[in-house]
Amino acid sequence: MKLPRLFVAQCLLLASLAAFAQPLQKIPELREQVTDLTGSLSAGAKSALAARLATLETETGSQLAVLLVPTTAPEDIAAYAIRVVDAWQLGREGVDDGVLLLVALDDRRMRIEVGYGLEGAVPDARAHQIIETVMTPYFRQGDISGGINAGVDAIAALIRGEDLPASSARSSGNYDLGALLPVILIIALVLGGVLRRAMGALPGAAATGAIAAVIAWFIVGLIGAALLAGVVAFFICLLNGGGTGVWSNRSGGNGGGFGGGGFGGGGFGGGGFRGGGGGFGGGGASGGW
């Protein structure tokens, strides 16, 4: 099933290249879940949509990305979409559970490009139905943001109904404590100092550990990670000494606090959003408004 679809898609691309001498549109670099080159989405709408897509990936492991461009000319939107997913590689390698929602605003065209692993959950007919009956009514009223959000909701509902391998972020024991370390340190050193001073060393450390565990649970959704974060925060706070944590060095003066530069740059960053090596073969649907 993979080879014929890939062959058709590549033939479509070659036909587009042969038919037009003008240069092809560039593929934007993948940095986040929502890439808007048209200015159609407000900053708030873009951030909210990106957060929902990140939640979908955390829950299911699947990657759904949204791309808005002015035009795909001289290519058909399907040929351009194939070039995008070949470059972005949405979805997990071997699972191929990526989806691209592409809108070419000036062309008044849109496409849902579906990875191999989700062709059962989002077959071509369902992708076409989402475009025609869910998204198009919004677009015809000029509500681009509403149409994209409605389309994302419909696609996400189908993905959540598919029997896919567990997301690595929530697989047992497969979490990254390094991502939690800045949070644990902030809680243990800053909040821990306050709680030790107010409650005493042992109760303050226990309260700090409990708070760290709850926050870790909300971040990664794993009991094991939450318990480990709580224990680490408890001992950091308990061994931090001095009763007032980082607020004082007990020898007078301010003592330097965190020193120069805090935790430095990066935070939870680390390069932003990126594809996981997923494969595509031309599954999906296109439409216009």
Protein backbone atom coordinates (compact mmCIF):
# COMPACT_ATOMS: atom_id res chain seq x y z
CA MET A 1 0.00 0.00 0.00
CA LYS A 2 2.92 2.33 0.70
CA LEU A 3 4.66 2.09 -2.66
CA PRO A 4 1.70 2.88 -4.94
CA ARG A 5 0.73 5.95 -2.93
CA LEU A 6 4.29 7.16 -2.78
CA PHE A 7 4.65 6.57 -6.52
CA VAL A 8 1.50 8.58 -7.26
CA ALA A 9 2.63 11.41 -5.01
CA GLN A 10 6.06 11.57 -6.62
CA CYS A 11 4.52 11.50 -10.10
CA LEU A 12 2.35 14.44 -9.04
CA LEU A 13 5.42 16.30 -7.89
CA LEU A 14 7.32 15.58 -11.11
CA ALA A 15 4.35 16.69 -13.19
CA SER A 16 4.25 19.97 -11.31
CA LEU A 17 7.95 20.51 -11.84
CA ALA A 18 7.68 19.81 -15.55
CA ALA A 19 4.66 22.05 -16.04
CA PHE A 20 6.09 25.15 -14.44
CA ALA A 21 9.48 26.76 -14.91
CA GLN A 22 9.16 29.16 -11.99
CA PRO A 23 10.86 28.22 -8.72
CA LEU A 24 8.98 26.25 -6.10
CA GLN A 25 7.87 27.72 -2.81
CA LYS A 26 10.34 27.20 0.01
CA ILE A 27 9.52 24.83 2.85
CA PRO A 28 9.57 26.70 6.17
CA GLU A 29 11.68 25.31 8.99
CA LEU A 30 9.69 23.39 11.58
CA ARG A 31 10.02 25.18 14.92
CA GLU A 32 6.58 24.86 16.51
CA GLN A 33 3.26 23.08 16.11
CA VAL A 34 1.65 26.07 14.34
CA THR A 35 3.46 27.90 11.55
CA ASP A 36 1.53 30.89 10.19
CA LEU A 37 3.19 32.70 7.29
CA THR A 38 0.02 34.65 6.50
CA GLY A 39 -0.64 36.50 9.76
CA SER A 40 -4.14 35.03 9.93
CA LEU A 41 -3.88 33.90 13.55
CA SER A 42 -3.47 36.22 16.50
CA ALA A 43 -0.65 35.50 18.92
CA GLY A 44 -3.15 34.28 21.51
CA ALA A 45 -4.98 32.02 19.08
CA LYS A 46 -1.71 30.58 17.81
CA SER A 47 -0.42 29.87 21.32
CA ALA A 48 -3.68 28.26 22.42
CA LEU A 49 -3.76 26.04 19.34
CA ALA A 50 -0.11 25.03 19.79
CA ALA A 51 -0.82 24.09 23.40
CA ARG A 52 -3.69 21.84 22.34
CA LEU A 53 -1.51 20.14 19.73
CA ALA A 54 1.22 19.60 22.33
CA THR A 55 -1.35 18.02 24.64
CA LEU A 56 -2.47 15.72 21.83
CA GLU A 57 1.11 14.57 21.30
CA THR A 58 1.59 13.99 25.03
CA GLU A 59 -1.59 11.94 25.26
CA THR A 60 -1.29 9.88 22.08
CA GLY A 61 2.26 10.25 20.76
CA SER A 62 0.90 11.49 17.41
CA GLN A 63 2.10 14.78 15.94
CA LEU A 64 -0.41 17.11 14.29
CA ALA A 65 1.04 20.32 12.85
CA VAL A 66 -0.66 23.30 11.21
CA LEU A 67 0.90 25.31 8.38
CA LEU A 68 -0.59 28.43 6.79
CA VAL A 69 1.08 29.79 3.65
CA PRO A 70 -0.01 32.46 1.16
CA THR A 71 0.28 30.13 -1.85
CA THR A 72 1.76 26.84 -3.01
CA ALA A 73 2.02 27.98 -6.65
CA PRO A 74 3.29 26.74 -9.01
CA GLU A 75 2.58 23.41 -7.32
CA ASP A 76 -0.74 21.88 -6.48
CA ILE A 77 -1.33 21.90 -2.74
CA ALA A 78 -0.99 18.10 -2.58
CA ALA A 79 2.48 18.18 -4.13
CA TYR A 80 3.57 20.97 -1.82
CA ALA A 81 2.20 19.09 1.20
CA ILE A 82 4.28 16.03 0.29
CA ARG A 83 7.41 18.17 0.21
CA VAL A 84 6.53 19.63 3.60
CA VAL A 85 5.98 16.29 5.33
CA ASP A 86 9.09 14.82 3.69
CA ALA A 87 11.06 17.66 5.27
CA TRP A 88 9.26 17.81 8.61
CA GLN A 89 8.82 14.04 9.18
CA LEU A 90 5.87 14.44 11.53
CA GLY A 91 4.99 11.45 13.68
CA ARG A 92 7.06 8.75 15.31
CA GLU A 93 9.51 6.71 13.29
CA GLY A 94 8.06 3.28 12.61
CA VAL A 95 4.61 4.37 13.82
CA ASP A 96 4.18 7.07 11.15
CA ASP A 97 1.44 8.83 13.10
CA GLY A 98 1.82 12.36 11.81
CA VAL A 99 -0.76 14.70 10.28
CA LEU A 100 -0.28 18.01 8.49
CA LEU A 101 -3.13 20.52 8.21
CA LEU A 102 -2.10 22.86 5.40
CA VAL A 103 -3.91 26.03 4.30
CA ALA A 104 -2.92 28.08 1.23
CA LEU A 105 -4.81 31.29 1.91
CA ASP A 106 -4.49 33.14 -1.41
CA ASP A 107 -5.20 29.93 -3.35
CA ARG A 108 -8.27 29.29 -1.17
CA ARG A 109 -7.15 25.70 -0.82
CA MET A 110 -6.53 23.40 2.14
CA ARG A 111 -5.23 19.89 2.65
CA ILE A 112 -5.04 17.25 5.37
CA GLU A 113 -1.95 15.08 4.82
CA VAL A 114 -2.04 11.82 6.79
CA GLY A 115 0.87 9.57 7.77
CA TYR A 116 0.87 5.85 7.05
CA GLY A 117 0.06 4.90 10.63
CA LEU A 118 -3.09 7.02 10.79
CA GLU A 119 -4.62 6.14 7.42
CA GLY A 120 -7.01 3.81 9.24
CA ALA A 121 -8.06 6.45 11.76
CA VAL A 122 -8.19 9.31 9.23
CA PRO A 123 -9.00 7.71 5.85
CA ASP A 124 -9.20 9.86 2.74
CA ALA A 125 -12.99 10.02 2.89
CA ARG A 126 -12.99 11.27 6.48
CA ALA A 127 -10.29 13.82 5.72
CA HIS A 128 -12.40 15.10 2.81
CA GLN A 129 -15.46 15.22 5.05
CA ILE A 130 -13.62 17.29 7.66
CA ILE A 131 -12.54 19.77 5.00
CA GLU A 132 -15.94 20.06 3.33
CA THR A 133 -18.34 19.96 6.28
CA VAL A 134 -16.28 21.12 9.26
CA MET A 135 -13.71 23.64 8.03
CA THR A 136 -15.12 25.11 4.82
CA PRO A 137 -18.18 26.78 6.42
CA TYR A 138 -15.88 28.78 8.72
CA PHE A 139 -13.53 29.71 5.90
CA ARG A 140 -16.37 30.96 3.71
CA GLN A 141 -17.34 33.31 6.52
CA GLY A 142 -13.78 34.57 6.78
CA ASP A 143 -13.16 32.85 10.11
CA ILE A 144 -9.82 31.20 9.38
CA SER A 145 -8.97 30.64 13.04
CA GLY A 146 -12.35 29.06 13.75
CA GLY A 147 -12.06 26.74 10.77
CA ILE A 148 -8.59 25.58 11.71
CA ASN A 149 -9.58 24.96 15.32
CA ALA A 150 -12.66 23.01 14.23
CA GLY A 151 -10.55 20.94 11.84
CA VAL A 152 -7.97 20.23 14.52
CA ASP A 153 -10.71 19.13 16.92
CA ALA A 154 -12.14 16.72 14.35
CA ILE A 155 -8.75 15.24 13.46
CA ALA A 156 -7.72 14.94 17.11
CA ALA A 157 -10.94 13.08 17.93
CA LEU A 158 -10.15 10.50 15.24
CA ILE A 159 -6.55 10.14 16.41
CA ARG A 160 -7.62 9.62 20.02
CA GLY A 161 -9.90 6.82 18.88
CA GLU A 162 -7.05 4.93 17.19
CA ASP A 163 -5.19 2.07 18.91
CA LEU A 164 -1.64 3.43 18.76
CA PRO A 165 1.52 2.65 20.75
CA ALA A 166 1.69 4.58 24.01
CA SER A 167 3.26 8.02 23.94
CA SER A 168 6.88 7.85 25.05
CA ALA A 169 6.22 10.76 27.37
CA ARG A 170 3.82 8.59 29.37
CA SER A 171 5.33 5.15 28.90
CA SER A 172 6.25 3.55 32.20
CA GLY A 173 9.75 4.53 33.27
CA ASN A 174 10.50 6.40 30.05
CA TYR A 175 10.55 9.96 31.30
CA ASP A 176 13.32 12.53 31.39
CA LEU A 177 14.14 13.64 34.93
CA GLY A 178 16.42 16.28 33.43
CA ALA A 179 13.36 18.14 32.15
CA LEU A 180 12.03 18.27 35.72
CA LEU A 181 15.30 19.26 37.37
CA PRO A 182 14.91 23.06 36.95
CA VAL A 183 11.43 22.87 38.48
CA ILE A 184 12.63 20.69 41.37
CA LEU A 185 15.54 23.04 42.10
CA ILE A 186 13.37 26.15 42.05
CA ILE A 187 10.83 24.59 44.38
CA ALA A 188 13.40 23.08 46.73
CA LEU A 189 15.63 26.15 46.98
CA VAL A 190 13.23 29.06 46.75
CA LEU A 191 9.94 27.74 48.10
CA GLY A 192 11.75 25.31 50.39
CA GLY A 193 13.59 28.14 52.11
CA VAL A 194 10.32 29.90 52.87
CA LEU A 195 8.61 26.74 54.15
CA ARG A 196 11.58 25.74 56.32
CA ARG A 197 11.56 29.14 57.95
CA ALA A 198 7.81 29.06 58.52
CA MET A 199 7.32 25.41 59.50
CA GLY A 200 10.69 24.13 60.62
CA ALA A 201 13.27 21.99 58.83
CA LEU A 202 11.55 18.61 58.58
CA PRO A 203 7.92 19.77 58.07
CA GLY A 204 9.08 22.41 55.60
CA ALA A 205 11.07 19.88 53.60
CA ALA A 206 8.12 17.47 53.61
CA ALA A 207 5.76 20.19 52.36
CA THR A 208 8.27 21.15 49.67
CA GLY A 209 8.52 17.54 48.49
CA ALA A 210 4.75 17.22 48.33
CA ILE A 211 4.41 20.38 46.25
CA ALA A 212 7.18 19.25 43.90
CA ALA A 213 5.48 15.87 43.45
CA VAL A 214 2.14 17.48 42.56
CA ILE A 215 3.73 19.84 40.03
CA ALA A 216 5.75 17.00 38.48
CA TRP A 217 2.55 14.99 38.11
CA PHE A 218 0.93 17.82 36.17
CA ILE A 219 3.99 18.14 33.92
CA VAL A 220 4.58 14.49 32.96
CA GLY A 221 1.49 12.67 34.24
CA LEU A 222 3.51 9.80 35.72
CA ILE A 223 3.26 8.69 39.34
CA GLY A 224 6.83 7.38 39.35
CA ALA A 225 8.25 10.67 38.10
CA ALA A 226 6.12 12.62 40.58
CA LEU A 227 7.29 10.52 43.54
CA LEU A 228 10.91 10.78 42.48
CA ALA A 229 10.63 14.55 42.07
CA GLY A 230 9.08 14.80 45.53
CA VAL A 231 11.86 12.76 47.15
CA VAL A 232 14.59 14.74 45.40
CA ALA A 233 13.01 18.07 46.40
CA PHE A 234 12.60 16.84 49.99
CA PHE A 235 16.29 15.99 50.39
CA ILE A 236 17.52 19.10 48.59
CA CYS A 237 15.41 21.24 50.89
CA LEU A 238 16.39 19.27 54.00
CA LEU A 239 20.10 19.42 53.22
CA ASN A 240 20.05 23.03 52.05
CA GLY A 241 20.74 24.04 55.66
CA GLY A 242 20.50 27.35 57.38
CA GLY A 243 16.72 27.30 57.75
CA THR A 244 16.30 30.15 55.30
CA GLY A 245 17.51 28.43 52.13
CA VAL A 246 18.80 30.77 49.45
CA TRP A 247 17.47 33.87 51.15
CA SER A 248 20.46 34.11 53.47
CA ASN A 249 23.88 32.56 53.97
CA ARG A 250 23.58 32.97 57.79
CA SER A 251 26.89 34.79 57.89
CA GLY A 252 25.42 38.17 57.17
CA GLY A 253 24.68 40.06 54.01
CA ASN A 254 22.89 38.70 50.99
CA GLY A 255 25.44 36.00 50.27
CA GLY A 256 25.03 35.95 46.50
CA GLY A 257 21.70 34.14 46.11
CA PHE A 258 21.71 32.17 42.86
CA GLY A 259 24.90 33.84 41.68
CA GLY A 260 25.20 35.47 38.32
CA GLY A 261 22.80 34.15 35.74
CA GLY A 262 20.41 31.88 37.58
CA PHE A 263 19.78 28.71 35.61
CA GLY A 264 21.03 30.27 32.42
CA GLY A 265 19.28 30.09 29.06
CA GLY A 266 17.26 27.22 27.77
CA GLY A 267 14.72 26.44 30.47
CA PHE A 268 12.47 23.77 29.09
CA GLY A 269 13.50 24.70 25.55
CA GLY A 270 16.09 22.56 23.86
CA GLY A 271 15.32 23.31 20.22
CA GLY A 272 11.56 23.60 20.07
CA PHE A 273 9.15 21.33 18.23
CA ARG A 274 10.51 18.83 15.73
CA GLY A 275 9.33 15.81 13.78
CA GLY A 276 9.95 12.29 14.99
CA GLY A 277 10.85 10.58 11.72
CA GLY A 278 7.34 9.64 10.56
CA GLY A 279 6.56 8.61 6.98
CA PHE A 280 3.85 9.72 4.54
CA GLY A 281 2.63 8.32 1.25
CA GLY A 282 0.05 10.75 -0.10
CA GLY A 283 -2.93 9.78 2.07
CA GLY A 284 -5.40 12.52 2.89
CA ALA A 285 -7.61 14.96 1.02
CA SER A 286 -7.70 18.46 -0.44
CA GLY A 287 -10.47 20.99 -0.82
CA GLY A 288 -11.29 24.65 -1.35
CA TRP A 289 -13.67 27.34 -0.23
